PDB file of N, CA and C in Angstrom:
ATOM      1  N   UNK A   1      11.358  11.699  -8.628  1.00  0.00           N
ATOM      2  CA  UNK A   1      10.526  12.915  -8.530  1.00  0.00           C
ATOM      3  C   UNK A   1       9.865  13.019  -7.155  1.00  0.00           C
ATOM      4  N   UNK A   2       9.298  11.850  -6.753  1.00  0.00           N
ATOM      5  CA  UNK A   2       8.788  11.568  -5.379  1.00  0.00           C
ATOM      6  C   UNK A   2       9.565  10.806  -4.477  1.00  0.00           C
ATOM      7  N   UNK A   3      10.109  11.265  -3.480  1.00  0.00           N
ATOM      8  CA  UNK A   3      10.991  10.585  -2.541  1.00  0.00           C
ATOM      9  C   UNK A   3      10.173   9.608  -1.743  1.00  0.00           C
ATOM     10  N   UNK A   4      10.404   8.456  -1.707  1.00  0.00           N
ATOM     11  CA  UNK A   4       9.678   7.511  -0.842  1.00  0.00           C
ATOM     12  C   UNK A   4      10.891   6.560   0.125  1.00  0.00           C
ATOM     13  N   UNK A   5      10.510   6.708   1.359  1.00  0.00           N
ATOM     14  CA  UNK A   5      11.540   6.062   2.214  1.00  0.00           C
ATOM     15  C   UNK A   5      10.819   4.827   2.716  1.00  0.00           C
ATOM     16  N   UNK A   6       9.669   4.625   2.856  1.00  0.00           N
ATOM     17  CA  UNK A   6       9.038   3.620   3.296  1.00  0.00           C
ATOM     18  C   UNK A   6       7.656   3.275   2.626  1.00  0.00           C
ATOM     19  N   UNK A   7       7.420   1.790   2.387  1.00  0.00           N
ATOM     20  CA  UNK A   7       6.241   1.609   1.657  1.00  0.00           C
ATOM     21  C   UNK A   7       5.399   0.429   2.593  1.00  0.00           C
ATOM     22  N   UNK A   8       4.219   0.878   2.736  1.00  0.00           N
ATOM     23  CA  UNK A   8       3.325   0.128   3.622  1.00  0.00           C
ATOM     24  C   UNK A   8       2.104  -0.321   2.738  1.00  0.00           C
ATOM     25  N   UNK A   9       1.958  -1.842   2.958  1.00  0.00           N
ATOM     26  CA  UNK A   9       0.621  -2.333   2.350  1.00  0.00           C
ATOM     27  C   UNK A   9      -0.452  -1.869   3.406  1.00  0.00           C
ATOM     28  N   UNK A  10      -1.626  -1.593   3.154  1.00  0.00           N
ATOM     29  CA  UNK A  10      -2.802  -1.592   4.207  1.00  0.00           C
ATOM     30  C   UNK A  10      -3.480  -2.702   3.887  1.00  0.00           C
ATOM     31  N   UNK A  11      -3.431  -3.781   4.676  1.00  0.00           N
ATOM     32  CA  UNK A  11      -4.012  -5.076   4.727  1.00  0.00           C
ATOM     33  C   UNK A  11      -5.447  -5.051   4.476  1.00  0.00           C
ATOM     34  N   UNK A  12      -5.945  -6.020   4.169  1.00  0.00           N
ATOM     35  CA  UNK A  12      -7.397  -6.232   3.876  1.00  0.00           C
ATOM     36  C   UNK A  12      -7.737  -5.589   2.576  1.00  0.00           C
ATOM     37  N   UNK A  13      -9.110  -5.474   2.265  1.00  0.00           N
ATOM     38  CA  UNK A  13      -9.555  -4.686   1.252  1.00  0.00           C
ATOM     39  C   UNK A  13     -10.033  -3.355   1.476  1.00  0.00           C
ATOM     40  N   UNK A  14      -9.820  -2.554   0.307  1.00  0.00           N
ATOM     41  CA  UNK A  14     -10.313  -1.004   0.548  1.00  0.00           C
ATOM     42  C   UNK A  14     -11.278  -0.705  -0.646  1.00  0.00           C
ATOM     43  N   UNK A  15     -12.162   0.273  -0.184  1.00  0.00           N
ATOM     44  CA  UNK A  15     -12.977   0.853  -1.228  1.00  0.00           C
ATOM     45  C   UNK A  15     -12.268   1.880  -2.291  1.00  0.00           C
ATOM     46  N   UNK A  16     -11.866   1.469  -3.324  1.00  0.00           N
ATOM     47  CA  UNK A  16     -10.987   2.239  -4.230  1.00  0.00           C
ATOM     48  C   UNK A  16     -11.827   3.437  -4.916  1.00  0.00           C
ATOM     49  N   UNK A  17     -13.078   3.427  -4.766  1.00  0.00           N
ATOM     50  CA  UNK A  17     -14.008   4.508  -5.551  1.00  0.00           C
ATOM     51  C   UNK A  17     -13.594   5.791  -4.788  1.00  0.00           C
ATOM     52  N   UNK A  18     -13.247   6.009  -3.712  1.00  0.00           N
ATOM     53  CA  UNK A  18     -12.929   7.267  -3.038  1.00  0.00           C
ATOM     54  C   UNK A  18     -11.679   7.590  -3.456  1.00  0.00           C
ATOM     55  N   UNK A  19     -11.411   8.712  -3.186  1.00  0.00           N
ATOM     56  CA  UNK A  19     -10.007   9.478  -3.597  1.00  0.00           C
ATOM     57  C   UNK A  19      -9.337   9.773  -2.386  1.00  0.00           C
ATOM     58  N   UNK A  20      -8.357  10.521  -2.381  1.00  0.00           N
ATOM     59  CA  UNK A  20      -7.379  10.999  -1.443  1.00  0.00           C
ATOM     60  C   UNK A  20      -7.896  11.075   0.080  1.00  0.00           C
ATOM     61  N   UNK A  21      -9.180  11.769   0.253  1.00  0.00           N
ATOM     62  CA  UNK A  21      -9.577  11.908   1.573  1.00  0.00           C
ATOM     63  C   UNK A  21      -9.940  10.604   2.109  1.00  0.00           C
ATOM     64  N   UNK A  22     -10.587   9.657   1.279  1.00  0.00           N
ATOM     65  CA  UNK A  22     -11.031   8.400   1.911  1.00  0.00           C
ATOM     66  C   UNK A  22      -9.920   7.359   2.372  1.00  0.00           C
ATOM     67  N   UNK A  23      -8.890   7.322   1.546  1.00  0.00           N
ATOM     68  CA  UNK A  23      -7.594   6.565   1.766  1.00  0.00           C
ATOM     69  C   UNK A  23      -6.900   7.183   3.020  1.00  0.00           C
ATOM     70  N   UNK A  24      -6.734   8.709   3.045  1.00  0.00           N
ATOM     71  CA  UNK A  24      -6.062   9.146   3.981  1.00  0.00           C
ATOM     72  C   UNK A  24      -6.661   8.838   5.496  1.00  0.00           C
ATOM     73  N   UNK A  25      -8.109   8.835   5.437  1.00  0.00           N
ATOM     74  CA  UNK A  25      -8.847   8.526   6.627  1.00  0.00           C
ATOM     75  C   UNK A  25      -8.463   7.033   6.997  1.00  0.00           C
ATOM     76  N   UNK A  26      -8.235   6.227   6.153  1.00  0.00           N
ATOM     77  CA  UNK A  26      -8.049   4.804   6.509  1.00  0.00           C
ATOM     78  C   UNK A  26      -6.364   4.789   7.012  1.00  0.00           C
ATOM     79  N   UNK A  27      -5.648   5.567   6.530  1.00  0.00           N
ATOM     80  CA  UNK A  27      -4.316   5.648   6.911  1.00  0.00           C
ATOM     81  C   UNK A  27      -4.254   6.166   8.299  1.00  0.00           C
ATOM     82  N   UNK A  28      -5.008   7.233   8.531  1.00  0.00           N
ATOM     83  CA  UNK A  28      -5.188   7.784  10.119  1.00  0.00           C
ATOM     84  C   UNK A  28      -5.677   6.818  11.017  1.00  0.00           C
ATOM     85  N   UNK A  29      -6.759   5.844  10.756  1.00  0.00           N
ATOM     86  CA  UNK A  29      -7.149   4.957  11.485  1.00  0.00           C
ATOM     87  C   UNK A  29      -6.048   3.840  11.814  1.00  0.00           C
ATOM     88  N   UNK A  30      -5.228   3.409  10.801  1.00  0.00           N
ATOM     89  CA  UNK A  30      -4.406   2.401  10.879  1.00  0.00           C
ATOM     90  C   UNK A  30      -3.056   2.724  11.374  1.00  0.00           C
ATOM     91  N   UNK A  31      -2.609   3.940  11.443  1.00  0.00           N
ATOM     92  CA  UNK A  31      -1.175   4.324  11.931  1.00  0.00           C
ATOM     93  C   UNK A  31      -1.490   5.313  13.028  1.00  0.00           C
ATOM     94  N   UNK A  32      -1.080   4.936  14.147  1.00  0.00           N
ATOM     95  CA  UNK A  32      -1.021   6.150  15.242  1.00  0.00           C
ATOM     96  C   UNK A  32      -0.464   7.493  15.027  1.00  0.00           C
ATOM     97  N   UNK A  33       0.693   7.288  14.236  1.00  0.00           N
ATOM     98  CA  UNK A  33       1.454   8.471  13.955  1.00  0.00           C
ATOM     99  C   UNK A  33       0.919   9.315  12.697  1.00  0.00           C
ATOM    100  N   UNK A  34      -0.304   8.740  12.067  1.00  0.00           N
ATOM    101  CA  UNK A  34      -0.780   9.281  11.091  1.00  0.00           C
ATOM    102  C   UNK A  34      -0.008   9.087   9.589  1.00  0.00           C
ATOM    103  N   UNK A  35      -0.384   9.943   8.664  1.00  0.00           N
ATOM    104  CA  UNK A  35       0.513   9.746   7.654  1.00  0.00           C
ATOM    105  C   UNK A  35       1.858  10.556   7.496  1.00  0.00           C
ATOM    106  N   UNK A  36       2.972   9.833   7.443  1.00  0.00           N
ATOM    107  CA  UNK A  36       4.335  10.269   7.578  1.00  0.00           C
ATOM    108  C   UNK A  36       5.025  10.824   6.186  1.00  0.00           C
ATOM    109  N   UNK A  37       5.804  11.765   6.131  1.00  0.00           N
ATOM    110  CA  UNK A  37       6.294  12.282   4.919  1.00  0.00           C
ATOM    111  C   UNK A  37       7.169  11.275   4.471  1.00  0.00           C
ATOM    112  N   UNK A  38       7.196  11.164   3.175  1.00  0.00           N
ATOM    113  CA  UNK A  38       7.910  10.252   2.267  1.00  0.00           C
ATOM    114  C   UNK A  38       7.724   8.784   2.607  1.00  0.00           C
ATOM    115  N   UNK A  39       6.356   8.504   2.895  1.00  0.00           N
ATOM    116  CA  UNK A  39       5.913   7.188   3.052  1.00  0.00           C
ATOM    117  C   UNK A  39       4.718   7.072   2.088  1.00  0.00           C
ATOM    118  N   UNK A  40       4.758   5.748   1.579  1.00  0.00           N
ATOM    119  CA  UNK A  40       3.771   5.364   0.631  1.00  0.00           C
ATOM    120  C   UNK A  40       2.923   4.320   1.315  1.00  0.00           C
ATOM    121  N   UNK A  41       1.517   4.464   1.004  1.00  0.00           N
ATOM    122  CA  UNK A  41       0.496   3.592   1.607  1.00  0.00           C
ATOM    123  C   UNK A  41      -0.193   2.891   0.343  1.00  0.00           C
ATOM    124  N   UNK A  42      -0.110   1.585   0.223  1.00  0.00           N
ATOM    125  CA  UNK A  42      -0.565   0.745  -0.884  1.00  0.00           C
ATOM    126  C   UNK A  42      -1.935   0.102  -0.575  1.00  0.00           C
ATOM    127  N   UNK A  43      -3.106   0.540  -1.277  1.00  0.00           N
ATOM    128  CA  UNK A  43      -4.339  -0.241  -0.975  1.00  0.00           C
ATOM    129  C   UNK A  43      -4.710  -1.031  -2.201  1.00  0.00           C
ATOM    130  N   UNK A  44      -5.529  -1.959  -2.028  1.00  0.00           N
ATOM    131  CA  UNK A  44      -6.161  -3.002  -3.051  1.00  0.00           C
ATOM    132  C   UNK A  44      -7.706  -2.919  -2.855  1.00  0.00           C
ATOM    133  N   UNK A  45      -8.377  -3.335  -3.996  1.00  0.00           N
ATOM    134  CA  UNK A  45      -9.772  -3.564  -3.957  1.00  0.00           C
ATOM    135  C   UNK A  45      -9.845  -5.004  -3.690  1.00  0.00           C
ATOM    136  N   UNK A  46     -11.229  -5.301  -3.539  1.00  0.00           N
ATOM    137  CA  UNK A  46     -11.754  -6.585  -3.000  1.00  0.00           C
ATOM    138  C   UNK A  46     -11.088  -7.877  -3.976  1.00  0.00           C
ATOM    139  N   UNK A  47     -11.089  -7.602  -5.188  1.00  0.00           N
ATOM    140  CA  UNK A  47     -10.524  -8.536  -6.149  1.00  0.00           C
ATOM    141  C   UNK A  47      -8.991  -8.485  -6.475  1.00  0.00           C
ATOM    142  N   UNK A  48      -8.410  -7.478  -5.783  1.00  0.00           N
ATOM    143  CA  UNK A  48      -6.980  -7.408  -5.932  1.00  0.00           C
ATOM    144  C   UNK A  48      -6.519  -7.274  -7.349  1.00  0.00           C
ATOM    145  N   UNK A  49      -7.258  -6.551  -8.256  1.00  0.00           N
ATOM    146  CA  UNK A  49      -7.121  -6.347  -9.571  1.00  0.00           C
ATOM    147  C   UNK A  49      -6.796  -4.823  -9.870  1.00  0.00           C
ATOM    148  N   UNK A  50      -6.826  -4.157  -8.870  1.00  0.00           N
ATOM    149  CA  UNK A  50      -6.480  -2.545  -8.845  1.00  0.00           C
ATOM    150  C   UNK A  50      -5.738  -2.169  -7.531  1.00  0.00           C
ATOM    151  N   UNK A  51      -4.776  -1.345  -7.708  1.00  0.00           N
ATOM    152  CA  UNK A  51      -4.004  -0.630  -6.495  1.00  0.00           C
ATOM    153  C   UNK A  51      -4.414   0.814  -6.610  1.00  0.00           C
ATOM    154  N   UNK A  52      -4.181   1.390  -5.357  1.00  0.00           N
ATOM    155  CA  UNK A  52      -3.831   2.833  -5.143  1.00  0.00           C
ATOM    156  C   UNK A  52      -2.913   3.071  -4.181  1.00  0.00           C
ATOM    157  N   UNK A  53      -1.992   4.034  -4.608  1.00  0.00           N
ATOM    158  CA  UNK A  53      -0.803   4.415  -3.612  1.00  0.00           C
ATOM    159  C   UNK A  53      -0.908   5.844  -3.368  1.00  0.00           C
ATOM    160  N   UNK A  54      -1.006   5.909  -2.007  1.00  0.00           N
ATOM    161  CA  UNK A  54      -1.134   7.468  -1.594  1.00  0.00           C
ATOM    162  C   UNK A  54       0.211   7.771  -0.913  1.00  0.00           C
ATOM    163  N   UNK A  55       0.929   8.842  -1.331  1.00  0.00           N
ATOM    164  CA  UNK A  55       2.158   9.259  -0.815  1.00  0.00           C
ATOM    165  C   UNK A  55       2.041  10.743  -0.369  1.00  0.00           C
ATOM    166  N   UNK A  56       2.461  10.969   0.819  1.00  0.00           N
ATOM    167  CA  UNK A  56       2.635  12.233   1.413  1.00  0.00           C
ATOM    168  C   UNK A  56       4.251  12.600   1.265  1.00  0.00           C
ATOM    169  N   UNK A  57       4.382  13.599   0.545  1.00  0.00           N
ATOM    170  CA  UNK A  57       5.758  14.335   0.241  1.00  0.00           C
ATOM    171  C   UNK A  57       6.129  15.223   1.273  1.00  0.00           C
ATOM    172  N   UNK A  58       5.194  15.511   2.287  1.00  0.00           N
ATOM    173  CA  UNK A  58       5.653  16.626   3.245  1.00  0.00           C
ATOM    174  C   UNK A  58       5.019  18.004   2.875  1.00  0.00           C
ATOM    175  N   UNK A  59       4.617  18.149   1.777  1.00  0.00           N
ATOM    176  CA  UNK A  59       3.913  19.307   1.359  1.00  0.00           C
ATOM    177  C   UNK A  59       2.433  19.045   0.944  1.00  0.00           C
ATOM    178  N   UNK A  60       2.237  17.939   0.419  1.00  0.00           N
ATOM    179  CA  UNK A  60       1.047  17.429  -0.107  1.00  0.00           C
ATOM    180  C   UNK A  60       0.917  15.803  -0.420  1.00  0.00           C
ATOM    181  N   UNK A  61      -0.381  15.568  -1.047  1.00  0.00           N
ATOM    182  CA  UNK A  61      -0.588  13.995  -1.195  1.00  0.00           C
ATOM    183  C   UNK A  61      -0.405  13.856  -2.941  1.00  0.00           C
ATOM    184  N   UNK A  62      -0.016  12.712  -3.026  1.00  0.00           N
ATOM    185  CA  UNK A  62      -0.019  12.179  -4.385  1.00  0.00           C
ATOM    186  C   UNK A  62      -0.855  10.943  -4.285  1.00  0.00           C
ATOM    187  N   UNK A  63      -1.541  10.647  -5.354  1.00  0.00           N
ATOM    188  CA  UNK A  63      -2.384   9.417  -5.458  1.00  0.00           C
ATOM    189  C   UNK A  63      -2.200   8.956  -6.878  1.00  0.00           C
ATOM    190  N   UNK A  64      -1.749   7.591  -6.720  1.00  0.00           N
ATOM    191  CA  UNK A  64      -1.355   6.775  -8.070  1.00  0.00           C
ATOM    192  C   UNK A  64      -2.146   5.595  -8.311  1.00  0.00           C
ATOM    193  N   UNK A  65      -2.597   5.158  -9.265  1.00  0.00           N
ATOM    194  CA  UNK A  65      -3.483   4.116  -9.685  1.00  0.00           C
ATOM    195  C   UNK A  65      -2.775   3.041 -10.589  1.00  0.00           C
ATOM    196  N   UNK A  66      -2.858   1.720 -10.159  1.00  0.00           N
ATOM    197  CA  UNK A  66      -2.226   0.831 -11.089  1.00  0.00           C
ATOM    198  C   UNK A  66      -3.438  -0.266 -11.308  1.00  0.00           C
ATOM    199  N   UNK A  67      -3.532  -0.875 -12.527  1.00  0.00           N
ATOM    200  CA  UNK A  67      -4.399  -1.833 -12.895  1.00  0.00           C
ATOM    201  C   UNK A  67      -3.660  -2.593 -14.096  1.00  0.00           C
ATOM    202  N   UNK A  68      -3.511  -3.913 -13.715  1.00  0.00           N
ATOM    203  CA  UNK A  68      -3.005  -4.875 -14.831  1.00  0.00           C
ATOM    204  C   UNK A  68      -3.970  -5.092 -15.783  1.00  0.00           C
ATOM    205  N   UNK A  69      -3.471  -5.449 -16.988  1.00  0.00           N
ATOM    206  CA  UNK A  69      -4.430  -5.801 -18.178  1.00  0.00           C
ATOM    207  C   UNK A  69      -5.003  -7.146 -17.962  1.00  0.00           C
ATOM    208  N   UNK A  70      -4.158  -7.917 -17.356  1.00  0.00           N
ATOM    209  CA  UNK A  70      -4.701  -9.388 -17.127  1.00  0.00           C
ATOM    210  C   UNK A  70      -4.101  -9.910 -15.851  1.00  0.00           C
ATOM    211  N   UNK A  71      -4.914 -10.757 -15.190  1.00  0.00           N
ATOM    212  CA  UNK A  71      -4.617 -11.104 -13.683  1.00  0.00           C
ATOM    213  C   UNK A  71      -4.684 -10.362 -12.628  1.00  0.00           C
ATOM    214  N   UNK A  72      -4.166 -10.524 -11.582  1.00  0.00           N
ATOM    215  CA  UNK A  72      -4.375  -9.580 -10.585  1.00  0.00           C
ATOM    216  C   UNK A  72      -3.191  -9.516  -9.717  1.00  0.00           C
ATOM    217  N   UNK A  73      -3.158  -8.713  -8.707  1.00  0.00           N
ATOM    218  CA  UNK A  73      -1.998  -8.487  -7.698  1.00  0.00           C
ATOM    219  C   UNK A  73      -1.929  -9.593  -6.570  1.00  0.00           C
ATOM    220  N   UNK A  74      -0.847 -10.152  -6.041  1.00  0.00           N
ATOM    221  CA  UNK A  74      -0.740 -10.985  -5.063  1.00  0.00           C
ATOM    222  C   UNK A  74      -1.061 -10.103  -3.749  1.00  0.00           C
ATOM    223  N   UNK A  75      -2.001 -10.283  -3.017  1.00  0.00           N
ATOM    224  CA  UNK A  75      -2.420  -9.557  -1.919  1.00  0.00           C
ATOM    225  C   UNK A  75      -2.662 -10.140  -0.727  1.00  0.00           C
ATOM    226  N   UNK A  76      -2.113  -9.828   0.498  1.00  0.00           N
ATOM    227  CA  UNK A  76      -2.566 -10.804   1.498  1.00  0.00           C
ATOM    228  C   UNK A  76      -4.036 -10.370   2.115  1.00  0.00           C
ATOM    229  N   UNK A  77      -4.794 -11.177   2.471  1.00  0.00           N
ATOM    230  CA  UNK A  77      -6.374 -11.228   2.806  1.00  0.00           C
ATOM    231  C   UNK A  77      -6.458 -10.944   4.338  1.00  0.00           C
ATOM    232  N   UNK A  78      -5.360 -10.642   4.972  1.00  0.00           N
ATOM    233  CA  UNK A  78      -5.680 -10.175   6.482  1.00  0.00           C
ATOM    234  C   UNK A  78      -6.763  -8.968   6.639  1.00  0.00           C
ATOM    235  N   UNK A  79      -7.436  -8.908   7.706  1.00  0.00           N
ATOM    236  CA  UNK A  79      -8.575  -7.983   7.818  1.00  0.00           C
ATOM    237  C   UNK A  79      -7.836  -6.629   8.161  1.00  0.00           C
ATOM    238  N   UNK A  80      -6.878  -6.508   8.937  1.00  0.00           N
ATOM    239  CA  UNK A  80      -6.496  -5.077   9.381  1.00  0.00           C
ATOM    240  C   UNK A  80      -4.853  -5.048   9.642  1.00  0.00           C
ATOM    241  N   UNK A  81      -4.499  -3.884   9.752  1.00  0.00           N
ATOM    242  CA  UNK A  81      -3.028  -3.863   9.915  1.00  0.00           C
ATOM    243  C   UNK A  81      -2.153  -3.444   8.665  1.00  0.00           C
ATOM    244  N   UNK A  82      -0.950  -3.490   8.688  1.00  0.00           N
ATOM    245  CA  UNK A  82      -0.100  -3.123   7.502  1.00  0.00           C
ATOM    246  C   UNK A  82       1.211  -3.920   7.394  1.00  0.00           C
ATOM    247  N   UNK A  83       1.661  -4.074   6.464  1.00  0.00           N
ATOM    248  CA  UNK A  83       3.183  -4.645   6.195  1.00  0.00           C
ATOM    249  C   UNK A  83       4.021  -3.593   5.614  1.00  0.00           C
ATOM    250  N   UNK A  84       5.254  -3.576   6.137  1.00  0.00           N
ATOM    251  CA  UNK A  84       6.223  -2.762   5.413  1.00  0.00           C
ATOM    252  C   UNK A  84       6.986  -3.576   4.459  1.00  0.00           C
ATOM    253  N   UNK A  85       7.023  -2.892   3.201  1.00  0.00           N
ATOM    254  CA  UNK A  85       7.646  -3.617   1.933  1.00  0.00           C
ATOM    255  C   UNK A  85       9.024  -3.134   1.721  1.00  0.00           C
ATOM    256  N   UNK A  86       9.865  -3.787   1.241  1.00  0.00           N
ATOM    257  CA  UNK A  86      11.154  -3.190   0.577  1.00  0.00           C
ATOM    258  C   UNK A  86      10.832  -2.590  -0.800  1.00  0.00           C
ATOM    259  N   UNK A  87      11.573  -2.003  -1.450  1.00  0.00           N
ATOM    260  CA  UNK A  87      11.380  -1.510  -2.641  1.00  0.00           C
ATOM    261  C   UNK A  87      11.219  -2.600  -3.792  1.00  0.00           C
ATOM    262  N   UNK A  88      12.264  -3.641  -3.650  1.00  0.00           N
ATOM    263  CA  UNK A  88      12.183  -4.732  -4.522  1.00  0.00           C
ATOM    264  C   UNK A  88      10.739  -5.426  -4.335  1.00  0.00           C
ATOM    265  N   UNK A  89      10.302  -5.642  -3.270  1.00  0.00           N
ATOM    266  CA  UNK A  89       8.893  -6.383  -3.036  1.00  0.00           C
ATOM    267  C   UNK A  89       7.802  -5.450  -3.690  1.00  0.00           C
ATOM    268  N   UNK A  90       7.783  -4.208  -3.597  1.00  0.00           N
ATOM    269  CA  UNK A  90       6.989  -3.334  -4.096  1.00  0.00           C
ATOM    270  C   UNK A  90       6.968  -3.415  -5.689  1.00  0.00           C
ATOM    271  N   UNK A  91       8.302  -3.533  -6.221  1.00  0.00           N
ATOM    272  CA  UNK A  91       8.451  -3.542  -7.627  1.00  0.00           C
ATOM    273  C   UNK A  91       7.785  -4.943  -8.068  1.00  0.00           C
ATOM    274  N   UNK A  92       7.969  -5.924  -7.474  1.00  0.00           N
ATOM    275  CA  UNK A  92       7.246  -7.142  -7.661  1.00  0.00           C
ATOM    276  C   UNK A  92       5.841  -7.136  -7.710  1.00  0.00           C
ATOM    277  N   UNK A  93       5.326  -6.427  -6.572  1.00  0.00           N
ATOM    278  CA  UNK A  93       3.926  -6.480  -6.344  1.00  0.00           C
ATOM    279  C   UNK A  93       3.338  -5.810  -7.497  1.00  0.00           C
ATOM    280  N   UNK A  94       3.655  -4.573  -7.976  1.00  0.00           N
ATOM    281  CA  UNK A  94       2.992  -3.870  -8.901  1.00  0.00           C
ATOM    282  C   UNK A  94       3.072  -4.447 -10.249  1.00  0.00           C
ATOM    283  N   UNK A  95       4.026  -5.412 -10.349  1.00  0.00           N
ATOM    284  CA  UNK A  95       4.270  -6.021 -11.758  1.00  0.00           C
ATOM    285  C   UNK A  95       3.162  -7.480 -11.776  1.00  0.00           C
ATOM    286  N   UNK A  96       2.566  -7.613 -10.551  1.00  0.00           N
ATOM    287  CA  UNK A  96       1.722  -8.832 -10.323  1.00  0.00           C
ATOM    288  C   UNK A  96       2.556 -10.029 -10.129  1.00  0.00           C
ATOM    289  N   UNK A  97       3.683  -9.961  -9.708  1.00  0.00           N
ATOM    290  CA  UNK A  97       4.422 -10.986  -9.311  1.00  0.00           C
ATOM    291  C   UNK A  97       4.406 -11.463  -7.780  1.00  0.00           C
ATOM    292  N   UNK A  98       4.678 -12.497  -7.489  1.00  0.00           N
ATOM    293  CA  UNK A  98       4.578 -13.147  -6.052  1.00  0.00           C
ATOM    294  C   UNK A  98       5.755 -12.486  -5.305  1.00  0.00           C
ATOM    295  N   UNK A  99       5.535 -11.382  -4.794  1.00  0.00           N
ATOM    296  CA  UNK A  99       6.512 -10.542  -3.827  1.00  0.00           C
ATOM    297  C   UNK A  99       7.074 -11.251  -2.622  1.00  0.00           C
ATOM    298  N   UNK A 100       6.139 -12.204  -2.120  1.00  0.00           N
ATOM    299  CA  UNK A 100       6.438 -12.940  -0.880  1.00  0.00           C
ATOM    300  C   UNK A 100       7.644 -13.888  -1.136  1.00  0.00           C
ATOM    301  N   UNK A 101       7.825 -14.253  -2.284  1.00  0.00           N
ATOM    302  CA  UNK A 101       8.907 -15.455  -2.387  1.00  0.00           C
ATOM    303  C   UNK A 101      10.293 -14.727  -2.494  1.00  0.00           C
ATOM    304  N   UNK A 102      10.432 -13.361  -2.558  1.00  0.00           N
ATOM    305  CA  UNK A 102      11.760 -12.872  -2.494  1.00  0.00           C
ATOM    306  C   UNK A 102      12.299 -13.067  -1.112  1.00  0.00           C
ATOM    307  N   UNK A 103      13.751 -13.283  -1.292  1.00  0.00           N
ATOM    308  CA  UNK A 103      14.615 -13.846  -0.089  1.00  0.00           C
ATOM    309  C   UNK A 103      14.855 -12.420   0.917  1.00  0.00           C
ATOM    310  N   UNK A 104      14.369 -11.388   0.464  1.00  0.00           N
ATOM    311  CA  UNK A 104      14.550 -10.392   1.535  1.00  0.00           C
ATOM    312  C   UNK A 104      13.986 -10.579   2.960  1.00  0.00           C
ATOM    313  N   UNK A 105      14.566  -9.666   3.930  1.00  0.00           N
ATOM    314  CA  UNK A 105      14.018 -10.123   5.112  1.00  0.00           C
ATOM    315  C   UNK A 105      12.393  -9.789   5.133  1.00  0.00           C
ATOM    316  N   UNK A 106      11.800 -10.666   6.326  1.00  0.00           N
ATOM    317  CA  UNK A 106      10.338 -10.641   6.277  1.00  0.00           C
ATOM    318  C   UNK A 106       9.937  -9.288   6.682  1.00  0.00           C
ATOM    319  N   UNK A 107       8.850  -8.890   5.905  1.00  0.00           N
ATOM    320  CA  UNK A 107       8.133  -7.578   6.129  1.00  0.00           C
ATOM    321  C   UNK A 107       7.744  -7.335   7.536  1.00  0.00           C
ATOM    322  N   UNK A 108       7.819  -6.130   8.111  1.00  0.00           N
ATOM    323  CA  UNK A 108       7.330  -5.846   9.535  1.00  0.00           C
ATOM    324  C   UNK A 108       5.865  -5.537   9.489  1.00  0.00           C
ATOM    325  N   UNK A 109       5.205  -6.124  10.321  1.00  0.00           N
ATOM    326  CA  UNK A 109       3.644  -6.162  10.663  1.00  0.00           C
ATOM    327  C   UNK A 109       3.320  -5.154  11.548  1.00  0.00           C
ATOM    328  N   UNK A 110       2.307  -4.101  11.195  1.00  0.00           N
ATOM    329  CA  UNK A 110       1.896  -3.231  12.099  1.00  0.00           C
ATOM    330  C   UNK A 110       0.392  -3.583  12.184  1.00  0.00           C
ATOM    331  N   UNK A 111      -0.354  -3.669  13.357  1.00  0.00           N
ATOM    332  CA  UNK A 111      -1.643  -3.983  13.639  1.00  0.00           C
ATOM    333  C   UNK A 111      -2.283  -2.532  13.659  1.00  0.00           C
ATOM    334  N   UNK A 112      -3.508  -2.569  13.390  1.00  0.00           N
ATOM    335  CA  UNK A 112      -4.365  -1.364  13.604  1.00  0.00           C
ATOM    336  C   UNK A 112      -4.691  -1.207  14.924  1.00  0.00           C
ATOM    337  N   UNK A 113      -4.996   0.219  15.180  1.00  0.00           N
ATOM    338  CA  UNK A 113      -5.401   0.452  16.511  1.00  0.00           C
ATOM    339  C   UNK A 113      -6.574   0.123  16.785  1.00  0.00           C
TER     340      UNK A 113
END
């Protein structure tokens, strides 16, 4: 239903109490080109027990939320920047699995402006 060509982890912690506008502002600060069509931006709270995914489909924004019943998500604690994930790494991440252990090529890191 929603086409996603690239998936980005927004490193560090995010305040997930806000909605689309707060997360979009973080994307605009972290990416020089702003929100790109068919890109997903993944955010986590301080405890890494909740995720929000912001997707721009070219016409509007989608906001999805994920919370595990037990445990948390494997989340890098870097302060700024972003990592590009493969679809398989993303699938493992949202399942609460150690996505960094996949043998896929290393994710690309983007530093914040």
